[in-house]
């Protein structure tokens, strides 16, 4: 539901201009954090 709500929000109130640039920078950092957490959560014992 949150994903659908996010799409609706972006459709009605999209970020533009300098705000979009700020969101782009924050998004890059968020992606790095996301995959850092993926690495921290993955148990090597389970994989082996």
ModelCIF file with pLDDT and N, C-alpha, C, O atoms, coordinates in Angstrom:
data_MODEL
#
_entry.id   MODEL 
#
_entity.id                         1 
_entity.type                       polymer 
_entity.pdbx_number_of_molecules   1 
#
_entity_poly.entity_id                      1 
_entity_poly.type                           'polypeptide(L)' 
_entity_poly.nstd_linkage                   no 
_entity_poly.nstd_monomer                   no 
_entity_poly.pdbx_seq_one_letter_code       
;(UNK)(UNK)(UNK)(UNK)(UNK)(UNK)(UNK)(UNK)(UNK)(UNK)(UNK)(UNK)(UNK)(UNK)(UNK)(UNK)
(UNK)(UNK)(UNK)(UNK)(UNK)(UNK)(UNK)(UNK)(UNK)(UNK)(UNK)(UNK)(UNK)(UNK)(UNK)(UNK)
(UNK)(UNK)(UNK)(UNK)(UNK)(UNK)(UNK)(UNK)(UNK)(UNK)(UNK)(UNK)(UNK)(UNK)(UNK)(UNK)
;
_entity_poly.pdbx_seq_one_letter_code_can   XXXXXXXXXXXXXXXXXXXXXXXXXXXXXXXXXXXXXXXXXXXXXXXX 
_entity_poly.pdbx_strand_id                 A 
#
loop_
_entity_poly_seq.entity_id 
_entity_poly_seq.num 
_entity_poly_seq.mon_id 
_entity_poly_seq.hetero 
1 1  UNK n 
1 2  UNK n 
1 3  UNK n 
1 4  UNK n 
1 5  UNK n 
1 6  UNK n 
1 7  UNK n 
1 8  UNK n 
1 9  UNK n 
1 10 UNK n 
1 11 UNK n 
1 12 UNK n 
1 13 UNK n 
1 14 UNK n 
1 15 UNK n 
1 16 UNK n 
1 17 UNK n 
1 18 UNK n 
1 19 UNK n 
1 20 UNK n 
1 21 UNK n 
1 22 UNK n 
1 23 UNK n 
1 24 UNK n 
1 25 UNK n 
1 26 UNK n 
1 27 UNK n 
1 28 UNK n 
1 29 UNK n 
1 30 UNK n 
1 31 UNK n 
1 32 UNK n 
1 33 UNK n 
1 34 UNK n 
1 35 UNK n 
1 36 UNK n 
1 37 UNK n 
1 38 UNK n 
1 39 UNK n 
1 40 UNK n 
1 41 UNK n 
1 42 UNK n 
1 43 UNK n 
1 44 UNK n 
1 45 UNK n 
1 46 UNK n 
1 47 UNK n 
1 48 UNK n 
#
_struct_asym.id          A 
_struct_asym.entity_id   1 
#
loop_
_ma_qa_metric.id 
_ma_qa_metric.mode 
_ma_qa_metric.name 
_ma_qa_metric.software_group_id 
_ma_qa_metric.type 
1 global pLDDT . pLDDT 
2 local  pLDDT . pLDDT 
#
_ma_qa_metric_global.metric_id      1 
_ma_qa_metric_global.metric_value   79.33 
_ma_qa_metric_global.model_id       1 
_ma_qa_metric_global.ordinal_id     1 
#
loop_
_ma_qa_metric_local.label_asym_id 
_ma_qa_metric_local.label_comp_id 
_ma_qa_metric_local.label_seq_id 
_ma_qa_metric_local.metric_id 
_ma_qa_metric_local.metric_value 
_ma_qa_metric_local.model_id 
_ma_qa_metric_local.ordinal_id 
A UNK 1  2 76.00 1 1  
A UNK 2  2 80.00 1 2  
A UNK 3  2 75.00 1 3  
A UNK 4  2 79.00 1 4  
A UNK 5  2 85.00 1 5  
A UNK 6  2 85.00 1 6  
A UNK 7  2 82.00 1 7  
A UNK 8  2 86.00 1 8  
A UNK 9  2 90.00 1 9  
A UNK 10 2 85.00 1 10 
A UNK 11 2 84.00 1 11 
A UNK 12 2 89.00 1 12 
A UNK 13 2 90.00 1 13 
A UNK 14 2 89.00 1 14 
A UNK 15 2 87.00 1 15 
A UNK 16 2 85.00 1 16 
A UNK 17 2 83.00 1 17 
A UNK 18 2 86.00 1 18 
A UNK 19 2 86.00 1 19 
A UNK 20 2 85.00 1 20 
A UNK 21 2 85.00 1 21 
A UNK 22 2 88.00 1 22 
A UNK 23 2 85.00 1 23 
A UNK 24 2 81.00 1 24 
A UNK 25 2 85.00 1 25 
A UNK 26 2 85.00 1 26 
A UNK 27 2 80.00 1 27 
A UNK 28 2 80.00 1 28 
A UNK 29 2 84.00 1 29 
A UNK 30 2 81.00 1 30 
A UNK 31 2 76.00 1 31 
A UNK 32 2 81.00 1 32 
A UNK 33 2 82.00 1 33 
A UNK 34 2 75.00 1 34 
A UNK 35 2 76.00 1 35 
A UNK 36 2 84.00 1 36 
A UNK 37 2 80.00 1 37 
A UNK 38 2 72.00 1 38 
A UNK 39 2 74.00 1 39 
A UNK 40 2 80.00 1 40 
A UNK 41 2 74.00 1 41 
A UNK 42 2 66.00 1 42 
A UNK 43 2 67.00 1 43 
A UNK 44 2 65.00 1 44 
A UNK 45 2 65.00 1 45 
A UNK 46 2 56.00 1 46 
A UNK 47 2 52.00 1 47 
A UNK 48 2 62.00 1 48 
#
loop_
_atom_site.group_PDB 
_atom_site.id 
_atom_site.type_symbol 
_atom_site.label_atom_id 
_atom_site.label_alt_id 
_atom_site.label_comp_id 
_atom_site.label_asym_id 
_atom_site.label_entity_id 
_atom_site.label_seq_id 
_atom_site.pdbx_PDB_ins_code 
_atom_site.Cartn_x 
_atom_site.Cartn_y 
_atom_site.Cartn_z 
_atom_site.occupancy 
_atom_site.B_iso_or_equiv 
_atom_site.pdbx_formal_charge 
_atom_site.auth_seq_id 
_atom_site.auth_comp_id 
_atom_site.auth_asym_id 
_atom_site.auth_atom_id 
_atom_site.pdbx_PDB_model_num 
ATOM 1   N N  . UNK A 1 1  ? 0.829  -1.205  0.000   1.00 76.00 ? 1  UNK A N  1 
ATOM 2   C CA . UNK A 1 1  ? 0.000  0.000   0.000   1.00 76.00 ? 1  UNK A CA 1 
ATOM 3   C C  . UNK A 1 1  ? 0.863  1.255   0.000   1.00 76.00 ? 1  UNK A C  1 
ATOM 4   O O  . UNK A 1 1  ? 0.525  2.252   -0.637  1.00 76.00 ? 1  UNK A O  1 
ATOM 5   N N  . UNK A 1 2  ? 1.985  1.196   0.723   1.00 80.00 ? 2  UNK A N  1 
ATOM 6   C CA . UNK A 1 2  ? 2.891  2.347   0.757   1.00 80.00 ? 2  UNK A CA 1 
ATOM 7   C C  . UNK A 1 2  ? 3.501  2.604   -0.618  1.00 80.00 ? 2  UNK A C  1 
ATOM 8   O O  . UNK A 1 2  ? 3.665  3.757   -1.017  1.00 80.00 ? 2  UNK A O  1 
ATOM 9   N N  . UNK A 1 3  ? 3.838  1.538   -1.344  1.00 75.00 ? 3  UNK A N  1 
ATOM 10  C CA . UNK A 1 3  ? 4.367  1.696   -2.695  1.00 75.00 ? 3  UNK A CA 1 
ATOM 11  C C  . UNK A 1 3  ? 3.351  2.362   -3.616  1.00 75.00 ? 3  UNK A C  1 
ATOM 12  O O  . UNK A 1 3  ? 3.678  3.278   -4.370  1.00 75.00 ? 3  UNK A O  1 
ATOM 13  N N  . UNK A 1 4  ? 2.110  1.881   -3.538  1.00 79.00 ? 4  UNK A N  1 
ATOM 14  C CA . UNK A 1 4  ? 1.055  2.474   -4.359  1.00 79.00 ? 4  UNK A CA 1 
ATOM 15  C C  . UNK A 1 4  ? 0.831  3.934   -3.981  1.00 79.00 ? 4  UNK A C  1 
ATOM 16  O O  . UNK A 1 4  ? 0.640  4.790   -4.845  1.00 79.00 ? 4  UNK A O  1 
ATOM 17  N N  . UNK A 1 5  ? 0.857  4.206   -2.667  1.00 85.00 ? 5  UNK A N  1 
ATOM 18  C CA . UNK A 1 5  ? 0.685  5.584   -2.199  1.00 85.00 ? 5  UNK A CA 1 
ATOM 19  C C  . UNK A 1 5  ? 1.809  6.488   -2.665  1.00 85.00 ? 5  UNK A C  1 
ATOM 20  O O  . UNK A 1 5  ? 1.584  7.659   -2.970  1.00 85.00 ? 5  UNK A O  1 
ATOM 21  N N  . UNK A 1 6  ? 3.028  5.944   -2.722  1.00 85.00 ? 6  UNK A N  1 
ATOM 22  C CA . UNK A 1 6  ? 4.177  6.725   -3.183  1.00 85.00 ? 6  UNK A CA 1 
ATOM 23  C C  . UNK A 1 6  ? 4.036  7.085   -4.656  1.00 85.00 ? 6  UNK A C  1 
ATOM 24  O O  . UNK A 1 6  ? 4.362  8.200   -5.064  1.00 85.00 ? 6  UNK A O  1 
ATOM 25  N N  . UNK A 1 7  ? 3.548  6.138   -5.451  1.00 82.00 ? 7  UNK A N  1 
ATOM 26  C CA . UNK A 1 7  ? 3.329  6.407   -6.872  1.00 82.00 ? 7  UNK A CA 1 
ATOM 27  C C  . UNK A 1 7  ? 2.261  7.495   -7.049  1.00 82.00 ? 7  UNK A C  1 
ATOM 28  O O  . UNK A 1 7  ? 2.408  8.392   -7.880  1.00 82.00 ? 7  UNK A O  1 
ATOM 29  N N  . UNK A 1 8  ? 1.191  7.405   -6.260  1.00 86.00 ? 8  UNK A N  1 
ATOM 30  C CA . UNK A 1 8  ? 0.129  8.418   -6.324  1.00 86.00 ? 8  UNK A CA 1 
ATOM 31  C C  . UNK A 1 8  ? 0.680  9.784   -5.923  1.00 86.00 ? 8  UNK A C  1 
ATOM 32  O O  . UNK A 1 8  ? 0.400  10.786  -6.581  1.00 86.00 ? 8  UNK A O  1 
ATOM 33  N N  . UNK A 1 9  ? 1.462  9.823   -4.846  1.00 90.00 ? 9  UNK A N  1 
ATOM 34  C CA . UNK A 1 9  ? 2.046  11.088  -4.382  1.00 90.00 ? 9  UNK A CA 1 
ATOM 35  C C  . UNK A 1 9  ? 2.956  11.697  -5.444  1.00 90.00 ? 9  UNK A C  1 
ATOM 36  O O  . UNK A 1 9  ? 2.900  12.899  -5.704  1.00 90.00 ? 9  UNK A O  1 
ATOM 37  N N  . UNK A 1 10 ? 3.795  10.862  -6.053  1.00 85.00 ? 10 UNK A N  1 
ATOM 38  C CA . UNK A 1 10 ? 4.682  11.361  -7.100  1.00 85.00 ? 10 UNK A CA 1 
ATOM 39  C C  . UNK A 1 10 ? 3.906  11.834  -8.318  1.00 85.00 ? 10 UNK A C  1 
ATOM 40  O O  . UNK A 1 10 ? 4.335  12.751  -9.017  1.00 85.00 ? 10 UNK A O  1 
ATOM 41  N N  . UNK A 1 11 ? 2.761  11.205  -8.571  1.00 84.00 ? 11 UNK A N  1 
ATOM 42  C CA . UNK A 1 11 ? 1.933  11.605  -9.715  1.00 84.00 ? 11 UNK A CA 1 
ATOM 43  C C  . UNK A 1 11 ? 1.259  12.946  -9.475  1.00 84.00 ? 11 UNK A C  1 
ATOM 44  O O  . UNK A 1 11 ? 1.117  13.749  -10.396 1.00 84.00 ? 11 UNK A O  1 
ATOM 45  N N  . UNK A 1 12 ? 0.839  13.190  -8.219  1.00 89.00 ? 12 UNK A N  1 
ATOM 46  C CA . UNK A 1 12 ? 0.130  14.429  -7.892  1.00 89.00 ? 12 UNK A CA 1 
ATOM 47  C C  . UNK A 1 12 ? 1.080  15.559  -7.499  1.00 89.00 ? 12 UNK A C  1 
ATOM 48  O O  . UNK A 1 12 ? 0.864  16.718  -7.854  1.00 89.00 ? 12 UNK A O  1 
ATOM 49  N N  . UNK A 1 13 ? 2.146  15.201  -6.754  1.00 90.00 ? 13 UNK A N  1 
ATOM 50  C CA . UNK A 1 13 ? 3.091  16.212  -6.262  1.00 90.00 ? 13 UNK A CA 1 
ATOM 51  C C  . UNK A 1 13 ? 4.524  15.775  -6.560  1.00 90.00 ? 13 UNK A C  1 
ATOM 52  O O  . UNK A 1 13 ? 5.267  15.427  -5.641  1.00 90.00 ? 13 UNK A O  1 
ATOM 53  N N  . UNK A 1 14 ? 4.916  15.789  -7.825  1.00 89.00 ? 14 UNK A N  1 
ATOM 54  C CA . UNK A 1 14 ? 6.293  15.381  -8.149  1.00 89.00 ? 14 UNK A CA 1 
ATOM 55  C C  . UNK A 1 14 ? 7.298  16.449  -7.729  1.00 89.00 ? 14 UNK A C  1 
ATOM 56  O O  . UNK A 1 14 ? 6.995  17.642  -7.745  1.00 89.00 ? 14 UNK A O  1 
ATOM 57  N N  . UNK A 1 15 ? 8.482  16.014  -7.358  1.00 87.00 ? 15 UNK A N  1 
ATOM 58  C CA . UNK A 1 15 ? 9.533  16.980  -7.028  1.00 87.00 ? 15 UNK A CA 1 
ATOM 59  C C  . UNK A 1 15 ? 10.144 17.506  -8.324  1.00 87.00 ? 15 UNK A C  1 
ATOM 60  O O  . UNK A 1 15 ? 10.304 16.766  -9.294  1.00 87.00 ? 15 UNK A O  1 
ATOM 61  N N  . UNK A 1 16 ? 10.482 18.793  -8.323  1.00 85.00 ? 16 UNK A N  1 
ATOM 62  C CA . UNK A 1 16 ? 11.000 19.435  -9.529  1.00 85.00 ? 16 UNK A CA 1 
ATOM 63  C C  . UNK A 1 16 ? 12.211 20.301  -9.191  1.00 85.00 ? 16 UNK A C  1 
ATOM 64  O O  . UNK A 1 16 ? 12.460 20.620  -8.028  1.00 85.00 ? 16 UNK A O  1 
ATOM 65  N N  . UNK A 1 17 ? 12.956 20.672  -10.225 1.00 83.00 ? 17 UNK A N  1 
ATOM 66  C CA . UNK A 1 17 ? 14.026 21.653  -10.099 1.00 83.00 ? 17 UNK A CA 1 
ATOM 67  C C  . UNK A 1 17 ? 15.068 21.294  -9.063  1.00 83.00 ? 17 UNK A C  1 
ATOM 68  O O  . UNK A 1 17 ? 15.568 20.170  -9.023  1.00 83.00 ? 17 UNK A O  1 
ATOM 69  N N  . UNK A 1 18 ? 15.394 22.286  -8.207  1.00 86.00 ? 18 UNK A N  1 
ATOM 70  C CA . UNK A 1 18 ? 16.414 22.078  -7.183  1.00 86.00 ? 18 UNK A CA 1 
ATOM 71  C C  . UNK A 1 18 ? 15.985 21.040  -6.155  1.00 86.00 ? 18 UNK A C  1 
ATOM 72  O O  . UNK A 1 18 ? 16.817 20.313  -5.612  1.00 86.00 ? 18 UNK A O  1 
ATOM 73  N N  . UNK A 1 19 ? 14.683 20.972  -5.891  1.00 86.00 ? 19 UNK A N  1 
ATOM 74  C CA . UNK A 1 19 ? 14.181 19.961  -4.959  1.00 86.00 ? 19 UNK A CA 1 
ATOM 75  C C  . UNK A 1 19 ? 14.467 18.564  -5.509  1.00 86.00 ? 19 UNK A C  1 
ATOM 76  O O  . UNK A 1 19 ? 14.853 17.663  -4.764  1.00 86.00 ? 19 UNK A O  1 
ATOM 77  N N  . UNK A 1 20 ? 14.276 18.394  -6.804  1.00 85.00 ? 20 UNK A N  1 
ATOM 78  C CA . UNK A 1 20 ? 14.552 17.100  -7.437  1.00 85.00 ? 20 UNK A CA 1 
ATOM 79  C C  . UNK A 1 20 ? 16.036 16.762  -7.348  1.00 85.00 ? 20 UNK A C  1 
ATOM 80  O O  . UNK A 1 20 ? 16.399 15.600  -7.159  1.00 85.00 ? 20 UNK A O  1 
ATOM 81  N N  . UNK A 1 21 ? 16.897 17.773  -7.484  1.00 85.00 ? 21 UNK A N  1 
ATOM 82  C CA . UNK A 1 21 ? 18.336 17.539  -7.372  1.00 85.00 ? 21 UNK A CA 1 
ATOM 83  C C  . UNK A 1 21 ? 18.708 17.078  -5.965  1.00 85.00 ? 21 UNK A C  1 
ATOM 84  O O  . UNK A 1 21 ? 19.531 16.180  -5.792  1.00 85.00 ? 21 UNK A O  1 
ATOM 85  N N  . UNK A 1 22 ? 18.090 17.705  -4.962  1.00 88.00 ? 22 UNK A N  1 
ATOM 86  C CA . UNK A 1 22 ? 18.336 17.297  -3.573  1.00 88.00 ? 22 UNK A CA 1 
ATOM 87  C C  . UNK A 1 22 ? 17.866 15.869  -3.350  1.00 88.00 ? 22 UNK A C  1 
ATOM 88  O O  . UNK A 1 22 ? 18.565 15.058  -2.742  1.00 88.00 ? 22 UNK A O  1 
ATOM 89  N N  . UNK A 1 23 ? 16.657 15.569  -3.855  1.00 85.00 ? 23 UNK A N  1 
ATOM 90  C CA . UNK A 1 23 ? 16.137 14.205  -3.722  1.00 85.00 ? 23 UNK A CA 1 
ATOM 91  C C  . UNK A 1 23 ? 17.045 13.203  -4.432  1.00 85.00 ? 23 UNK A C  1 
ATOM 92  O O  . UNK A 1 23 ? 17.226 12.081  -3.960  1.00 85.00 ? 23 UNK A O  1 
ATOM 93  N N  . UNK A 1 24 ? 17.618 13.613  -5.571  1.00 81.00 ? 24 UNK A N  1 
ATOM 94  C CA . UNK A 1 24 ? 18.518 12.721  -6.291  1.00 81.00 ? 24 UNK A CA 1 
ATOM 95  C C  . UNK A 1 24 ? 19.761 12.385  -5.483  1.00 81.00 ? 24 UNK A C  1 
ATOM 96  O O  . UNK A 1 24 ? 20.210 11.239  -5.460  1.00 81.00 ? 24 UNK A O  1 
ATOM 97  N N  . UNK A 1 25 ? 20.312 13.399  -4.818  1.00 85.00 ? 25 UNK A N  1 
ATOM 98  C CA . UNK A 1 25 ? 21.495 13.176  -3.979  1.00 85.00 ? 25 UNK A CA 1 
ATOM 99  C C  . UNK A 1 25 ? 21.164 12.279  -2.794  1.00 85.00 ? 25 UNK A C  1 
ATOM 100 O O  . UNK A 1 25 ? 21.910 11.357  -2.465  1.00 85.00 ? 25 UNK A O  1 
ATOM 101 N N  . UNK A 1 26 ? 20.026 12.570  -2.157  1.00 85.00 ? 26 UNK A N  1 
ATOM 102 C CA . UNK A 1 26 ? 19.597 11.766  -1.008  1.00 85.00 ? 26 UNK A CA 1 
ATOM 103 C C  . UNK A 1 26 ? 19.310 10.333  -1.445  1.00 85.00 ? 26 UNK A C  1 
ATOM 104 O O  . UNK A 1 26 ? 19.607 9.386   -0.717  1.00 85.00 ? 26 UNK A O  1 
ATOM 105 N N  . UNK A 1 27 ? 18.733 10.179  -2.636  1.00 80.00 ? 27 UNK A N  1 
ATOM 106 C CA . UNK A 1 27 ? 18.427 8.842   -3.151  1.00 80.00 ? 27 UNK A CA 1 
ATOM 107 C C  . UNK A 1 27 ? 19.696 8.022   -3.362  1.00 80.00 ? 27 UNK A C  1 
ATOM 108 O O  . UNK A 1 27 ? 19.732 6.834   -3.040  1.00 80.00 ? 27 UNK A O  1 
ATOM 109 N N  . UNK A 1 28 ? 20.738 8.656   -3.904  1.00 80.00 ? 28 UNK A N  1 
ATOM 110 C CA . UNK A 1 28 ? 22.014 7.958   -4.090  1.00 80.00 ? 28 UNK A CA 1 
ATOM 111 C C  . UNK A 1 28 ? 22.559 7.447   -2.759  1.00 80.00 ? 28 UNK A C  1 
ATOM 112 O O  . UNK A 1 28 ? 23.045 6.320   -2.663  1.00 80.00 ? 28 UNK A O  1 
ATOM 113 N N  . UNK A 1 29 ? 22.469 8.289   -1.742  1.00 84.00 ? 29 UNK A N  1 
ATOM 114 C CA . UNK A 1 29 ? 22.929 7.881   -0.412  1.00 84.00 ? 29 UNK A CA 1 
ATOM 115 C C  . UNK A 1 29 ? 22.041 6.775   0.151   1.00 84.00 ? 29 UNK A C  1 
ATOM 116 O O  . UNK A 1 29 ? 22.528 5.851   0.802   1.00 84.00 ? 29 UNK A O  1 
ATOM 117 N N  . UNK A 1 30 ? 20.742 6.872   -0.100  1.00 81.00 ? 30 UNK A N  1 
ATOM 118 C CA . UNK A 1 30 ? 19.800 5.865   0.399   1.00 81.00 ? 30 UNK A CA 1 
ATOM 119 C C  . UNK A 1 30 ? 20.062 4.509   -0.237  1.00 81.00 ? 30 UNK A C  1 
ATOM 120 O O  . UNK A 1 30 ? 19.961 3.483   0.436   1.00 81.00 ? 30 UNK A O  1 
ATOM 121 N N  . UNK A 1 31 ? 20.400 4.488   -1.531  1.00 76.00 ? 31 UNK A N  1 
ATOM 122 C CA . UNK A 1 31 ? 20.699 3.233   -2.218  1.00 76.00 ? 31 UNK A CA 1 
ATOM 123 C C  . UNK A 1 31 ? 21.950 2.593   -1.629  1.00 76.00 ? 31 UNK A C  1 
ATOM 124 O O  . UNK A 1 31 ? 21.992 1.383   -1.411  1.00 76.00 ? 31 UNK A O  1 
ATOM 125 N N  . UNK A 1 32 ? 22.972 3.413   -1.373  1.00 81.00 ? 32 UNK A N  1 
ATOM 126 C CA . UNK A 1 32 ? 24.192 2.892   -0.754  1.00 81.00 ? 32 UNK A CA 1 
ATOM 127 C C  . UNK A 1 32 ? 23.889 2.297   0.620   1.00 81.00 ? 32 UNK A C  1 
ATOM 128 O O  . UNK A 1 32 ? 24.395 1.230   0.970   1.00 81.00 ? 32 UNK A O  1 
ATOM 129 N N  . UNK A 1 33 ? 23.055 3.000   1.396   1.00 82.00 ? 33 UNK A N  1 
ATOM 130 C CA . UNK A 1 33 ? 22.664 2.500   2.718   1.00 82.00 ? 33 UNK A CA 1 
ATOM 131 C C  . UNK A 1 33 ? 21.880 1.205   2.600   1.00 82.00 ? 33 UNK A C  1 
ATOM 132 O O  . UNK A 1 33 ? 22.071 0.282   3.392   1.00 82.00 ? 33 UNK A O  1 
ATOM 133 N N  . UNK A 1 34 ? 20.996 1.136   1.608   1.00 75.00 ? 34 UNK A N  1 
ATOM 134 C CA . UNK A 1 34 ? 20.177 -0.047  1.394   1.00 75.00 ? 34 UNK A CA 1 
ATOM 135 C C  . UNK A 1 34 ? 21.041 -1.282  1.172   1.00 75.00 ? 34 UNK A C  1 
ATOM 136 O O  . UNK A 1 34 ? 20.804 -2.322  1.786   1.00 75.00 ? 34 UNK A O  1 
ATOM 137 N N  . UNK A 1 35 ? 22.041 -1.178  0.297   1.00 76.00 ? 35 UNK A N  1 
ATOM 138 C CA . UNK A 1 35 ? 22.875 -2.331  0.008   1.00 76.00 ? 35 UNK A CA 1 
ATOM 139 C C  . UNK A 1 35 ? 23.896 -2.593  1.107   1.00 76.00 ? 35 UNK A C  1 
ATOM 140 O O  . UNK A 1 35 ? 24.350 -3.727  1.265   1.00 76.00 ? 35 UNK A O  1 
ATOM 141 N N  . UNK A 1 36 ? 24.261 -1.582  1.858   1.00 84.00 ? 36 UNK A N  1 
ATOM 142 C CA . UNK A 1 36 ? 25.080 -1.807  3.049   1.00 84.00 ? 36 UNK A CA 1 
ATOM 143 C C  . UNK A 1 36 ? 24.320 -2.679  4.042   1.00 84.00 ? 36 UNK A C  1 
ATOM 144 O O  . UNK A 1 36 ? 24.883 -3.606  4.624   1.00 84.00 ? 36 UNK A O  1 
ATOM 145 N N  . UNK A 1 37 ? 23.047 -2.379  4.230   1.00 80.00 ? 37 UNK A N  1 
ATOM 146 C CA . UNK A 1 37 ? 22.214 -3.167  5.139   1.00 80.00 ? 37 UNK A CA 1 
ATOM 147 C C  . UNK A 1 37 ? 21.989 -4.577  4.610   1.00 80.00 ? 37 UNK A C  1 
ATOM 148 O O  . UNK A 1 37 ? 21.951 -5.532  5.386   1.00 80.00 ? 37 UNK A O  1 
ATOM 149 N N  . UNK A 1 38 ? 21.837 -4.717  3.269   1.00 72.00 ? 38 UNK A N  1 
ATOM 150 C CA . UNK A 1 38 ? 21.721 -6.062  2.686   1.00 72.00 ? 38 UNK A CA 1 
ATOM 151 C C  . UNK A 1 38 ? 22.958 -6.884  3.034   1.00 72.00 ? 38 UNK A C  1 
ATOM 152 O O  . UNK A 1 38 ? 22.847 -8.056  3.393   1.00 72.00 ? 38 UNK A O  1 
ATOM 153 N N  . UNK A 1 39 ? 24.131 -6.271  2.928   1.00 74.00 ? 39 UNK A N  1 
ATOM 154 C CA . UNK A 1 39 ? 25.360 -6.969  3.251   1.00 74.00 ? 39 UNK A CA 1 
ATOM 155 C C  . UNK A 1 39 ? 25.454 -7.319  4.726   1.00 74.00 ? 39 UNK A C  1 
ATOM 156 O O  . UNK A 1 39 ? 25.913 -8.402  5.090   1.00 74.00 ? 39 UNK A O  1 
ATOM 157 N N  . UNK A 1 40 ? 25.016 -6.391  5.574   1.00 80.00 ? 40 UNK A N  1 
ATOM 158 C CA . UNK A 1 40 ? 25.087 -6.618  7.018   1.00 80.00 ? 40 UNK A CA 1 
ATOM 159 C C  . UNK A 1 40 ? 24.094 -7.676  7.481   1.00 80.00 ? 40 UNK A C  1 
ATOM 160 O O  . UNK A 1 40 ? 24.328 -8.343  8.489   1.00 80.00 ? 40 UNK A O  1 
ATOM 161 N N  . UNK A 1 41 ? 22.981 -7.839  6.753   1.00 74.00 ? 41 UNK A N  1 
ATOM 162 C CA . UNK A 1 41 ? 21.946 -8.800  7.157   1.00 74.00 ? 41 UNK A CA 1 
ATOM 163 C C  . UNK A 1 41 ? 22.231 -10.215 6.675   1.00 74.00 ? 41 UNK A C  1 
ATOM 164 O O  . UNK A 1 41 ? 21.770 -11.177 7.289   1.00 74.00 ? 41 UNK A O  1 
ATOM 165 N N  . UNK A 1 42 ? 22.978 -10.359 5.594   1.00 66.00 ? 42 UNK A N  1 
ATOM 166 C CA . UNK A 1 42 ? 23.162 -11.667 4.971   1.00 66.00 ? 42 UNK A CA 1 
ATOM 167 C C  . UNK A 1 42 ? 24.098 -12.546 5.792   1.00 66.00 ? 42 UNK A C  1 
ATOM 168 O O  . UNK A 1 42 ? 25.256 -12.194 6.017   1.00 66.00 ? 42 UNK A O  1 
ATOM 169 N N  . UNK A 1 43 ? 23.596 -13.670 6.230   1.00 67.00 ? 43 UNK A N  1 
ATOM 170 C CA . UNK A 1 43 ? 24.380 -14.601 7.030   1.00 67.00 ? 43 UNK A CA 1 
ATOM 171 C C  . UNK A 1 43 ? 25.224 -15.486 6.130   1.00 67.00 ? 43 UNK A C  1 
ATOM 172 O O  . UNK A 1 43 ? 24.689 -16.227 5.305   1.00 67.00 ? 43 UNK A O  1 
ATOM 173 N N  . UNK A 1 44 ? 26.538 -15.416 6.283   1.00 65.00 ? 44 UNK A N  1 
ATOM 174 C CA . UNK A 1 44 ? 27.426 -16.255 5.490   1.00 65.00 ? 44 UNK A CA 1 
ATOM 175 C C  . UNK A 1 44 ? 27.265 -17.739 5.837   1.00 65.00 ? 44 UNK A C  1 
ATOM 176 O O  . UNK A 1 44 ? 27.453 -18.605 4.982   1.00 65.00 ? 44 UNK A O  1 
ATOM 177 N N  . UNK A 1 45 ? 26.922 -18.022 7.076   1.00 65.00 ? 45 UNK A N  1 
ATOM 178 C CA . UNK A 1 45 ? 26.729 -19.417 7.491   1.00 65.00 ? 45 UNK A CA 1 
ATOM 179 C C  . UNK A 1 45 ? 25.586 -20.068 6.722   1.00 65.00 ? 45 UNK A C  1 
ATOM 180 O O  . UNK A 1 45 ? 25.685 -21.221 6.303   1.00 65.00 ? 45 UNK A O  1 
ATOM 181 N N  . UNK A 1 46 ? 24.481 -19.308 6.536   1.00 56.00 ? 46 UNK A N  1 
ATOM 182 C CA . UNK A 1 46 ? 23.323 -19.843 5.815   1.00 56.00 ? 46 UNK A CA 1 
ATOM 183 C C  . UNK A 1 46 ? 23.671 -20.124 4.362   1.00 56.00 ? 46 UNK A C  1 
ATOM 184 O O  . UNK A 1 46 ? 23.232 -21.123 3.792   1.00 56.00 ? 46 UNK A O  1 
ATOM 185 N N  . UNK A 1 47 ? 24.468 -19.235 3.762   1.00 52.00 ? 47 UNK A N  1 
ATOM 186 C CA . UNK A 1 47 ? 24.852 -19.423 2.368   1.00 52.00 ? 47 UNK A CA 1 
ATOM 187 C C  . UNK A 1 47 ? 25.763 -20.637 2.222   1.00 52.00 ? 47 UNK A C  1 
ATOM 188 O O  . UNK A 1 47 ? 25.558 -21.463 1.333   1.00 52.00 ? 47 UNK A O  1 
ATOM 189 N N  . UNK A 1 48 ? 26.764 -20.749 3.088   1.00 62.00 ? 48 UNK A N  1 
ATOM 190 C CA . UNK A 1 48 ? 27.715 -21.874 3.022   1.00 62.00 ? 48 UNK A CA 1 
ATOM 191 C C  . UNK A 1 48 ? 26.999 -23.208 3.246   1.00 62.00 ? 48 UNK A C  1 
ATOM 192 O O  . UNK A 1 48 ? 27.635 -24.261 3.226   1.00 62.00 ? 48 UNK A O  1 
#
